[in-house]
Amino acid sequence: MSIPFSNTQYRIPQGFGNLLEGLTCEILREQPDNIPAFAAAYFKNLLEKREETNFDPAEWGAKVDDRFYNNHAFKESSEEDKREKSAVKIQAAFRGYLAREMVKKMKKGNLQEETTQENN
C-alpha cells in the first residue's frame, strides 16, 4: 500500500532492475495467460542456469550499471577539482602568452640583425 505524499525513498538493489527487465522481455515475447506462474517458472529456470554455469545475470547487470554510472563523464566535479582545472587553464594561457612574446622578440631580433647587415 502506498502512502500519498510520503517522503520515503526506497533504494532498488543492484541487479534487480535487470532481472525485472529480463522477465518483462520474456513476458512480452511469450504472452503467457498466467503471468505469476510464468514468472515463477522463469525465475526457477534462471536459478537452475545460475547453479549450472555460475553466471548470475543480476550480478552482471549490477556491474554494467556500476560501470555506466561511475564513468567519469557522469561524475559531478567537486569545487576543488574546478579550482584546479581553472588554475591549470590560467597557467597554460600565461605560458602561451610568454612563448608568443618570446617569438616576437626573436623575430624582431632577426629583423634588426638583417637590417644592420643590409646597411653594412
N, C-alpha and C. Protein backbone atom coordinates (compact mmCIF):
# COMPACT_ATOMS: atom_id res chain seq x y z
N MET A 1 0.85 -1.16 0.00
CA MET A 1 0.00 0.00 0.00
C MET A 1 0.90 1.23 0.00
N SER A 2 0.61 2.17 -0.85
CA SER A 2 1.42 3.38 -0.89
C SER A 2 0.76 4.49 -0.08
N ILE A 3 1.58 5.34 0.43
CA ILE A 3 1.09 6.45 1.22
C ILE A 3 1.25 7.71 0.38
N PRO A 4 0.16 8.42 0.09
CA PRO A 4 0.30 9.61 -0.72
C PRO A 4 1.14 10.67 -0.01
N PHE A 5 1.94 11.38 -0.78
CA PHE A 5 2.78 12.47 -0.29
C PHE A 5 3.80 12.00 0.74
N SER A 6 4.26 10.78 0.60
CA SER A 6 5.26 10.25 1.51
C SER A 6 6.65 10.67 1.06
N ASN A 7 7.50 10.95 2.01
CA ASN A 7 8.89 11.31 1.70
C ASN A 7 9.80 10.10 1.70
N THR A 8 9.26 8.91 1.80
CA THR A 8 10.05 7.69 1.85
C THR A 8 10.71 7.44 0.50
N GLN A 9 12.01 7.21 0.54
CA GLN A 9 12.78 6.89 -0.66
C GLN A 9 13.30 5.47 -0.52
N TYR A 10 12.95 4.61 -1.48
CA TYR A 10 13.42 3.23 -1.46
C TYR A 10 14.58 3.11 -2.44
N ARG A 11 15.56 2.35 -2.02
CA ARG A 11 16.72 2.10 -2.87
C ARG A 11 16.53 0.74 -3.54
N ILE A 12 16.61 0.72 -4.85
CA ILE A 12 16.45 -0.53 -5.59
C ILE A 12 17.79 -1.27 -5.56
N PRO A 13 17.79 -2.53 -5.15
CA PRO A 13 19.05 -3.29 -5.08
C PRO A 13 19.70 -3.41 -6.45
N GLN A 14 21.02 -3.43 -6.46
CA GLN A 14 21.74 -3.57 -7.72
C GLN A 14 21.40 -4.90 -8.38
N GLY A 15 21.14 -4.84 -9.67
CA GLY A 15 20.82 -6.04 -10.43
C GLY A 15 19.34 -6.37 -10.48
N PHE A 16 18.55 -5.81 -9.57
CA PHE A 16 17.13 -6.12 -9.53
C PHE A 16 16.42 -5.60 -10.78
N GLY A 17 16.78 -4.42 -11.21
CA GLY A 17 16.17 -3.85 -12.41
C GLY A 17 16.44 -4.71 -13.63
N ASN A 18 17.65 -5.26 -13.71
CA ASN A 18 17.99 -6.13 -14.85
C ASN A 18 17.20 -7.43 -14.82
N LEU A 19 16.98 -7.97 -13.62
CA LEU A 19 16.16 -9.18 -13.51
C LEU A 19 14.73 -8.91 -13.98
N LEU A 20 14.18 -7.80 -13.54
CA LEU A 20 12.81 -7.47 -13.95
C LEU A 20 12.74 -7.16 -15.44
N GLU A 21 13.76 -6.54 -15.96
CA GLU A 21 13.78 -6.25 -17.39
C GLU A 21 13.80 -7.54 -18.20
N GLY A 22 14.60 -8.52 -17.76
CA GLY A 22 14.64 -9.81 -18.44
C GLY A 22 13.30 -10.51 -18.39
N LEU A 23 12.66 -10.47 -17.20
CA LEU A 23 11.34 -11.08 -17.06
C LEU A 23 10.33 -10.39 -17.96
N THR A 24 10.38 -9.07 -17.98
CA THR A 24 9.44 -8.31 -18.80
C THR A 24 9.59 -8.64 -20.28
N CYS A 25 10.82 -8.74 -20.74
CA CYS A 25 11.06 -9.09 -22.15
C CYS A 25 10.48 -10.46 -22.49
N GLU A 26 10.70 -11.42 -21.58
CA GLU A 26 10.17 -12.77 -21.83
C GLU A 26 8.65 -12.79 -21.80
N ILE A 27 8.05 -12.02 -20.90
CA ILE A 27 6.58 -11.96 -20.84
C ILE A 27 6.04 -11.36 -22.13
N LEU A 28 6.67 -10.30 -22.61
CA LEU A 28 6.21 -9.68 -23.85
C LEU A 28 6.43 -10.60 -25.05
N ARG A 29 7.49 -11.38 -25.02
CA ARG A 29 7.78 -12.29 -26.12
C ARG A 29 6.81 -13.47 -26.12
N GLU A 30 6.57 -14.06 -24.95
CA GLU A 30 5.76 -15.28 -24.84
C GLU A 30 4.26 -15.01 -24.74
N GLN A 31 3.89 -13.86 -24.18
CA GLN A 31 2.48 -13.50 -23.96
C GLN A 31 1.72 -14.61 -23.19
N PRO A 32 2.19 -14.96 -21.97
CA PRO A 32 1.54 -16.05 -21.23
C PRO A 32 0.17 -15.61 -20.68
N ASP A 33 -0.71 -16.62 -20.47
CA ASP A 33 -2.02 -16.33 -19.89
C ASP A 33 -1.90 -16.10 -18.38
N ASN A 34 -1.04 -16.89 -17.73
CA ASN A 34 -0.87 -16.81 -16.29
C ASN A 34 0.52 -16.22 -15.99
N ILE A 35 0.57 -14.92 -15.81
CA ILE A 35 1.86 -14.23 -15.64
C ILE A 35 2.57 -14.64 -14.35
N PRO A 36 1.88 -14.73 -13.19
CA PRO A 36 2.61 -15.15 -11.98
C PRO A 36 3.24 -16.54 -12.10
N ALA A 37 2.52 -17.50 -12.71
CA ALA A 37 3.08 -18.83 -12.90
C ALA A 37 4.26 -18.78 -13.87
N PHE A 38 4.13 -17.97 -14.91
CA PHE A 38 5.23 -17.81 -15.86
C PHE A 38 6.45 -17.22 -15.18
N ALA A 39 6.23 -16.21 -14.33
CA ALA A 39 7.33 -15.57 -13.61
C ALA A 39 8.01 -16.57 -12.68
N ALA A 40 7.22 -17.40 -12.01
CA ALA A 40 7.80 -18.41 -11.11
C ALA A 40 8.66 -19.40 -11.91
N ALA A 41 8.16 -19.84 -13.05
CA ALA A 41 8.91 -20.77 -13.88
C ALA A 41 10.17 -20.09 -14.45
N TYR A 42 10.04 -18.83 -14.82
CA TYR A 42 11.18 -18.08 -15.36
C TYR A 42 12.29 -17.98 -14.34
N PHE A 43 11.94 -17.61 -13.09
CA PHE A 43 12.97 -17.46 -12.06
C PHE A 43 13.54 -18.82 -11.63
N LYS A 44 12.72 -19.87 -11.67
CA LYS A 44 13.23 -21.21 -11.36
C LYS A 44 14.25 -21.63 -12.40
N ASN A 45 13.95 -21.38 -13.66
CA ASN A 45 14.87 -21.69 -14.75
C ASN A 45 16.15 -20.85 -14.63
N LEU A 46 16.00 -19.61 -14.25
CA LEU A 46 17.14 -18.72 -14.07
C LEU A 46 18.06 -19.21 -12.95
N LEU A 47 17.44 -19.66 -11.84
CA LEU A 47 18.22 -20.22 -10.73
C LEU A 47 18.97 -21.48 -11.14
N GLU A 48 18.30 -22.35 -11.91
CA GLU A 48 18.96 -23.57 -12.37
C GLU A 48 20.15 -23.26 -13.27
N LYS A 49 19.96 -22.30 -14.17
CA LYS A 49 21.07 -21.91 -15.05
C LYS A 49 22.22 -21.30 -14.26
N ARG A 50 21.87 -20.51 -13.23
CA ARG A 50 22.91 -19.89 -12.42
C ARG A 50 23.71 -20.95 -11.67
N GLU A 51 23.04 -21.97 -11.16
CA GLU A 51 23.73 -23.06 -10.46
C GLU A 51 24.64 -23.85 -11.39
N GLU A 52 24.20 -24.06 -12.64
CA GLU A 52 24.97 -24.85 -13.59
C GLU A 52 26.19 -24.08 -14.12
N THR A 53 26.00 -22.82 -14.43
CA THR A 53 27.04 -22.07 -15.13
C THR A 53 27.81 -21.09 -14.25
N ASN A 54 27.36 -20.89 -13.02
CA ASN A 54 27.96 -19.89 -12.12
C ASN A 54 27.92 -18.48 -12.71
N PHE A 55 26.95 -18.22 -13.57
CA PHE A 55 26.75 -16.90 -14.15
C PHE A 55 25.47 -16.31 -13.58
N ASP A 56 25.61 -15.18 -12.91
CA ASP A 56 24.46 -14.52 -12.30
C ASP A 56 24.13 -13.26 -13.10
N PRO A 57 23.00 -13.26 -13.82
CA PRO A 57 22.67 -12.08 -14.62
C PRO A 57 22.43 -10.83 -13.78
N ALA A 58 21.96 -11.02 -12.55
CA ALA A 58 21.76 -9.86 -11.67
C ALA A 58 23.09 -9.21 -11.32
N GLU A 59 24.08 -10.04 -11.01
CA GLU A 59 25.41 -9.53 -10.68
C GLU A 59 26.06 -8.86 -11.89
N TRP A 60 25.92 -9.51 -13.05
CA TRP A 60 26.47 -8.94 -14.28
C TRP A 60 25.81 -7.60 -14.59
N GLY A 61 24.48 -7.53 -14.45
CA GLY A 61 23.76 -6.28 -14.70
C GLY A 61 24.16 -5.18 -13.74
N ALA A 62 24.41 -5.57 -12.49
CA ALA A 62 24.85 -4.58 -11.50
C ALA A 62 26.22 -4.03 -11.88
N LYS A 63 27.10 -4.88 -12.37
CA LYS A 63 28.43 -4.42 -12.79
C LYS A 63 28.32 -3.49 -14.00
N VAL A 64 27.44 -3.81 -14.93
CA VAL A 64 27.25 -2.95 -16.10
C VAL A 64 26.70 -1.60 -15.66
N ASP A 65 25.70 -1.61 -14.78
CA ASP A 65 25.14 -0.35 -14.28
C ASP A 65 26.19 0.44 -13.53
N ASP A 66 26.97 -0.24 -12.71
CA ASP A 66 28.00 0.44 -11.93
C ASP A 66 29.04 1.06 -12.85
N ARG A 67 29.41 0.35 -13.88
CA ARG A 67 30.38 0.87 -14.84
C ARG A 67 29.82 2.09 -15.56
N PHE A 68 28.54 2.05 -15.89
CA PHE A 68 27.91 3.17 -16.59
C PHE A 68 27.83 4.40 -15.70
N TYR A 69 27.35 4.22 -14.48
CA TYR A 69 27.14 5.36 -13.60
C TYR A 69 28.41 5.86 -12.94
N ASN A 70 29.45 5.05 -12.91
CA ASN A 70 30.71 5.50 -12.33
C ASN A 70 31.69 6.00 -13.37
N ASN A 71 31.21 6.12 -14.60
CA ASN A 71 32.03 6.70 -15.64
C ASN A 71 32.32 8.15 -15.27
N HIS A 72 33.55 8.60 -15.47
CA HIS A 72 33.94 9.95 -15.06
C HIS A 72 33.17 11.03 -15.79
N ALA A 73 32.62 10.70 -16.94
CA ALA A 73 31.85 11.71 -17.67
C ALA A 73 30.56 12.06 -16.93
N PHE A 74 30.08 11.16 -16.10
CA PHE A 74 28.82 11.40 -15.39
C PHE A 74 29.03 11.96 -14.00
N LYS A 75 30.26 11.98 -13.53
CA LYS A 75 30.51 12.45 -12.18
C LYS A 75 30.48 13.97 -12.14
N GLU A 76 29.94 14.49 -11.07
CA GLU A 76 30.00 15.93 -10.86
C GLU A 76 31.32 16.23 -10.17
N SER A 77 32.03 17.20 -10.70
CA SER A 77 33.33 17.51 -10.10
C SER A 77 33.14 18.37 -8.87
N SER A 78 34.05 18.20 -7.94
CA SER A 78 33.99 18.95 -6.70
C SER A 78 34.51 20.37 -6.93
N GLU A 79 34.30 21.22 -5.95
CA GLU A 79 34.75 22.61 -6.04
C GLU A 79 36.27 22.68 -6.17
N GLU A 80 36.96 21.78 -5.47
CA GLU A 80 38.42 21.76 -5.52
C GLU A 80 38.90 21.37 -6.92
N ASP A 81 38.23 20.38 -7.55
CA ASP A 81 38.59 19.98 -8.91
C ASP A 81 38.40 21.14 -9.89
N LYS A 82 37.31 21.88 -9.72
CA LYS A 82 37.05 23.02 -10.60
C LYS A 82 38.13 24.08 -10.45
N ARG A 83 38.54 24.34 -9.22
CA ARG A 83 39.60 25.32 -8.99
C ARG A 83 40.91 24.88 -9.61
N GLU A 84 41.23 23.59 -9.45
CA GLU A 84 42.47 23.08 -10.01
C GLU A 84 42.47 23.17 -11.53
N LYS A 85 41.36 22.81 -12.15
CA LYS A 85 41.26 22.90 -13.61
C LYS A 85 41.37 24.35 -14.07
N SER A 86 40.76 25.25 -13.33
CA SER A 86 40.85 26.67 -13.68
C SER A 86 42.28 27.16 -13.58
N ALA A 87 42.98 26.77 -12.53
CA ALA A 87 44.38 27.19 -12.35
C ALA A 87 45.24 26.66 -13.49
N VAL A 88 45.01 25.43 -13.90
CA VAL A 88 45.78 24.84 -14.99
C VAL A 88 45.53 25.61 -16.29
N LYS A 89 44.28 25.98 -16.54
CA LYS A 89 43.95 26.74 -17.76
C LYS A 89 44.63 28.10 -17.73
N ILE A 90 44.59 28.77 -16.60
CA ILE A 90 45.21 30.09 -16.48
C ILE A 90 46.72 29.98 -16.70
N GLN A 91 47.33 28.98 -16.08
CA GLN A 91 48.78 28.80 -16.23
C GLN A 91 49.14 28.50 -17.68
N ALA A 92 48.35 27.68 -18.34
CA ALA A 92 48.63 27.34 -19.73
C ALA A 92 48.49 28.57 -20.61
N ALA A 93 47.48 29.38 -20.36
CA ALA A 93 47.30 30.60 -21.15
C ALA A 93 48.48 31.55 -20.93
N PHE A 94 48.95 31.67 -19.71
CA PHE A 94 50.07 32.56 -19.43
C PHE A 94 51.35 32.06 -20.08
N ARG A 95 51.58 30.75 -20.02
CA ARG A 95 52.77 30.18 -20.67
C ARG A 95 52.71 30.41 -22.18
N GLY A 96 51.51 30.27 -22.74
CA GLY A 96 51.35 30.54 -24.17
C GLY A 96 51.67 31.99 -24.50
N TYR A 97 51.20 32.89 -23.65
CA TYR A 97 51.49 34.31 -23.83
C TYR A 97 52.99 34.56 -23.80
N LEU A 98 53.67 33.99 -22.81
CA LEU A 98 55.12 34.17 -22.72
C LEU A 98 55.84 33.62 -23.95
N ALA A 99 55.39 32.48 -24.43
CA ALA A 99 56.02 31.87 -25.61
C ALA A 99 55.81 32.75 -26.84
N ARG A 100 54.62 33.31 -26.99
CA ARG A 100 54.35 34.20 -28.14
C ARG A 100 55.20 35.47 -28.06
N GLU A 101 55.35 36.01 -26.86
CA GLU A 101 56.18 37.20 -26.68
C GLU A 101 57.64 36.90 -27.02
N MET A 102 58.11 35.73 -26.64
CA MET A 102 59.48 35.34 -26.92
C MET A 102 59.69 35.21 -28.43
N VAL A 103 58.71 34.63 -29.12
CA VAL A 103 58.80 34.50 -30.58
C VAL A 103 58.84 35.88 -31.22
N LYS A 104 58.01 36.81 -30.73
CA LYS A 104 58.01 38.17 -31.27
C LYS A 104 59.38 38.82 -31.09
N LYS A 105 59.98 38.67 -29.92
CA LYS A 105 61.29 39.25 -29.65
C LYS A 105 62.35 38.63 -30.56
N MET A 106 62.24 37.30 -30.76
CA MET A 106 63.19 36.63 -31.63
C MET A 106 63.06 37.14 -33.06
N LYS A 107 61.82 37.34 -33.52
CA LYS A 107 61.60 37.84 -34.87
C LYS A 107 62.15 39.26 -34.99
N LYS A 108 61.89 40.12 -33.99
CA LYS A 108 62.41 41.48 -34.01
C LYS A 108 63.93 41.46 -34.03
N GLY A 109 64.53 40.59 -33.24
CA GLY A 109 65.99 40.48 -33.20
C GLY A 109 66.54 40.06 -34.53
N ASN A 110 65.88 39.11 -35.20
CA ASN A 110 66.33 38.65 -36.51
C ASN A 110 66.18 39.76 -37.54
N LEU A 111 65.07 40.51 -37.48
CA LEU A 111 64.85 41.60 -38.42
C LEU A 111 65.89 42.69 -38.23
N GLN A 112 66.18 43.00 -36.97
CA GLN A 112 67.18 44.03 -36.70
C GLN A 112 68.55 43.60 -37.18
N GLU A 113 68.89 42.34 -37.01
CA GLU A 113 70.17 41.83 -37.47
C GLU A 113 70.25 41.89 -38.98
N GLU A 114 69.14 41.53 -39.66
CA GLU A 114 69.13 41.56 -41.12
C GLU A 114 69.27 42.98 -41.64
N THR A 115 68.57 43.94 -41.00
CA THR A 115 68.65 45.33 -41.46
C THR A 115 70.04 45.91 -41.23
N THR A 116 70.67 45.55 -40.14
CA THR A 116 72.02 46.06 -39.89
C THR A 116 73.01 45.45 -40.87
N GLN A 117 72.79 44.19 -41.24
CA GLN A 117 73.68 43.54 -42.21
C GLN A 117 73.47 44.14 -43.59
N GLU A 118 72.22 44.49 -43.94
CA GLU A 118 71.95 45.09 -45.25
C GLU A 118 72.55 46.49 -45.33
N ASN A 119 72.52 47.21 -44.22
CA ASN A 119 73.05 48.57 -44.20
C ASN A 119 74.57 48.58 -44.30
N ASN A 120 75.21 47.52 -43.86
CA ASN A 120 76.68 47.48 -43.91
C ASN A 120 77.12 47.12 -45.25
